[in-house]
Amino acid sequence: MNFDFQQMQTAMAEAKRRYDELRQKMAQATEEATAGAGMVWVKINGEKQVLEVRLDPEVVKNDPDMLPDLIRAAVNEAGRRMDEKLKGEMGAMMGGLLGGMPPGLF
């Protein structure tokens, strides 16, 4: 097996470039989720920071004790969705990178 160090360096530079692109893309990505049949709605960014929260006035008025649980559920669901989005993006990135690695390296 011939190992081409130059090819490896090129592949690693490409990996860094793609990773940087992915980080920028995910920082701008958003996900939304609801809880309580839509009584609570949240929107997060790719860094899982909460950007918006909307509450149905009825849940605040009729069941304020349930509100923290609904908010938590919506935020957790949005985070799970963001994780899935990131996982898909990482899979696509890695698939493209591994195709550029020297045969027999992995």
Protein backbone atom coordinates (compact mmCIF):
# COMPACT_ATOMS: atom_id res chain seq x y z
CA MET A 1 0.00 0.00 0.00
CA ASN A 2 1.39 3.39 -0.99
CA PHE A 3 0.63 6.18 1.43
CA ASP A 4 0.39 9.62 -0.14
CA PHE A 5 1.03 12.18 2.61
CA GLN A 6 0.14 15.07 0.29
CA GLN A 7 -3.24 13.48 -0.42
CA MET A 8 -3.80 13.06 3.31
CA GLN A 9 -2.96 16.73 3.98
CA THR A 10 -5.35 17.80 1.24
CA ALA A 11 -8.11 15.62 2.70
CA MET A 12 -7.54 17.04 6.18
CA ALA A 13 -7.66 20.62 4.89
CA GLU A 14 -10.92 19.78 3.13
CA ALA A 15 -12.27 18.27 6.36
CA LYS A 16 -11.50 21.46 8.26
CA ARG A 17 -13.10 23.61 5.57
CA ARG A 18 -16.27 21.49 5.58
CA TYR A 19 -16.39 21.46 9.38
CA ASP A 20 -16.15 25.27 9.48
CA GLU A 21 -18.93 25.52 6.88
CA LEU A 22 -21.09 23.14 8.91
CA ARG A 23 -20.55 25.16 12.10
CA GLN A 24 -21.62 28.34 10.34
CA LYS A 25 -24.63 26.64 8.79
CA MET A 26 -25.75 25.10 12.09
CA ALA A 27 -25.29 28.39 13.96
CA GLN A 28 -27.88 29.89 11.62
CA ALA A 29 -30.21 26.88 11.69
CA THR A 30 -33.41 26.97 13.72
CA GLU A 31 -35.84 24.38 14.99
CA GLU A 32 -39.32 24.72 16.44
CA ALA A 33 -41.39 22.50 18.69
CA THR A 34 -44.65 22.62 20.60
CA ALA A 35 -46.05 21.01 23.70
CA GLY A 36 -49.50 20.71 25.21
CA ALA A 37 -51.27 20.49 21.86
CA GLY A 38 -49.66 23.74 20.74
CA MET A 39 -50.19 25.66 23.98
CA VAL A 40 -46.44 26.25 24.20
CA TRP A 41 -44.24 26.93 21.16
CA VAL A 42 -40.47 27.42 21.18
CA LYS A 43 -37.82 28.22 18.59
CA ILE A 44 -34.11 27.51 19.14
CA ASN A 45 -30.95 28.09 17.12
CA GLY A 46 -28.19 25.64 16.22
CA GLU A 47 -26.41 26.38 19.50
CA LYS A 48 -29.62 25.39 21.32
CA GLN A 49 -30.28 28.89 22.56
CA VAL A 50 -33.96 29.71 22.94
CA LEU A 51 -34.88 32.44 20.46
CA GLU A 52 -38.65 32.66 21.00
CA VAL A 53 -41.33 31.32 23.31
CA ARG A 54 -45.05 31.67 22.68
CA LEU A 55 -47.65 30.77 25.27
CA ASP A 56 -51.35 30.27 24.78
CA PRO A 57 -53.01 32.67 27.23
CA GLU A 58 -55.42 29.91 28.25
CA VAL A 59 -52.68 27.71 29.71
CA VAL A 60 -51.32 30.64 31.69
CA LYS A 61 -54.77 31.46 33.02
CA ASN A 62 -56.19 27.95 33.53
CA ASP A 63 -53.18 25.82 34.49
CA PRO A 64 -50.14 27.93 35.44
CA ASP A 65 -48.66 25.03 37.44
CA MET A 66 -48.39 23.00 34.22
CA LEU A 67 -46.57 25.78 32.36
CA PRO A 68 -42.97 24.92 33.42
CA ASP A 69 -43.46 21.30 32.35
CA LEU A 70 -44.83 22.34 28.96
CA ILE A 71 -42.01 24.79 28.35
CA ARG A 72 -39.44 22.19 29.34
CA ALA A 73 -41.04 19.60 27.03
CA ALA A 74 -41.10 21.99 24.07
CA VAL A 75 -37.48 23.09 24.60
CA ASN A 76 -36.32 19.48 24.95
CA GLU A 77 -38.15 18.46 21.77
CA ALA A 78 -36.65 21.36 19.82
CA GLY A 79 -33.20 20.33 21.09
CA ARG A 80 -33.80 16.74 20.02
CA ARG A 81 -34.81 17.92 16.56
CA MET A 82 -31.70 20.07 16.32
CA ASP A 83 -29.57 17.08 17.31
CA GLU A 84 -31.16 15.06 14.50
CA LYS A 85 -30.53 17.87 12.02
CA LEU A 86 -26.88 18.08 13.11
CA LYS A 87 -26.50 14.31 12.96
CA GLY A 88 -27.79 14.30 9.37
CA GLU A 89 -25.49 17.14 8.36
CA MET A 90 -22.48 15.46 10.01
CA GLY A 91 -23.29 12.18 8.26
CA ALA A 92 -23.39 13.91 4.89
CA MET A 93 -20.14 15.70 5.63
CA MET A 94 -18.35 12.55 6.79
CA GLY A 95 -19.60 10.54 3.83
CA GLY A 96 -18.08 13.07 1.47
CA LEU A 97 -14.82 13.21 3.38
CA LEU A 98 -14.26 9.49 3.69
CA GLY A 99 -14.61 9.20 -0.06
CA GLY A 100 -11.57 11.47 -0.37
CA MET A 101 -9.34 9.51 2.01
CA PRO A 102 -6.62 7.22 0.70
CA PRO A 103 -7.81 3.62 0.20
CA GLY A 104 -7.02 1.34 3.11
CA LEU A 105 -6.61 4.18 5.62
CA PHE A 106 -9.76 3.24 7.57
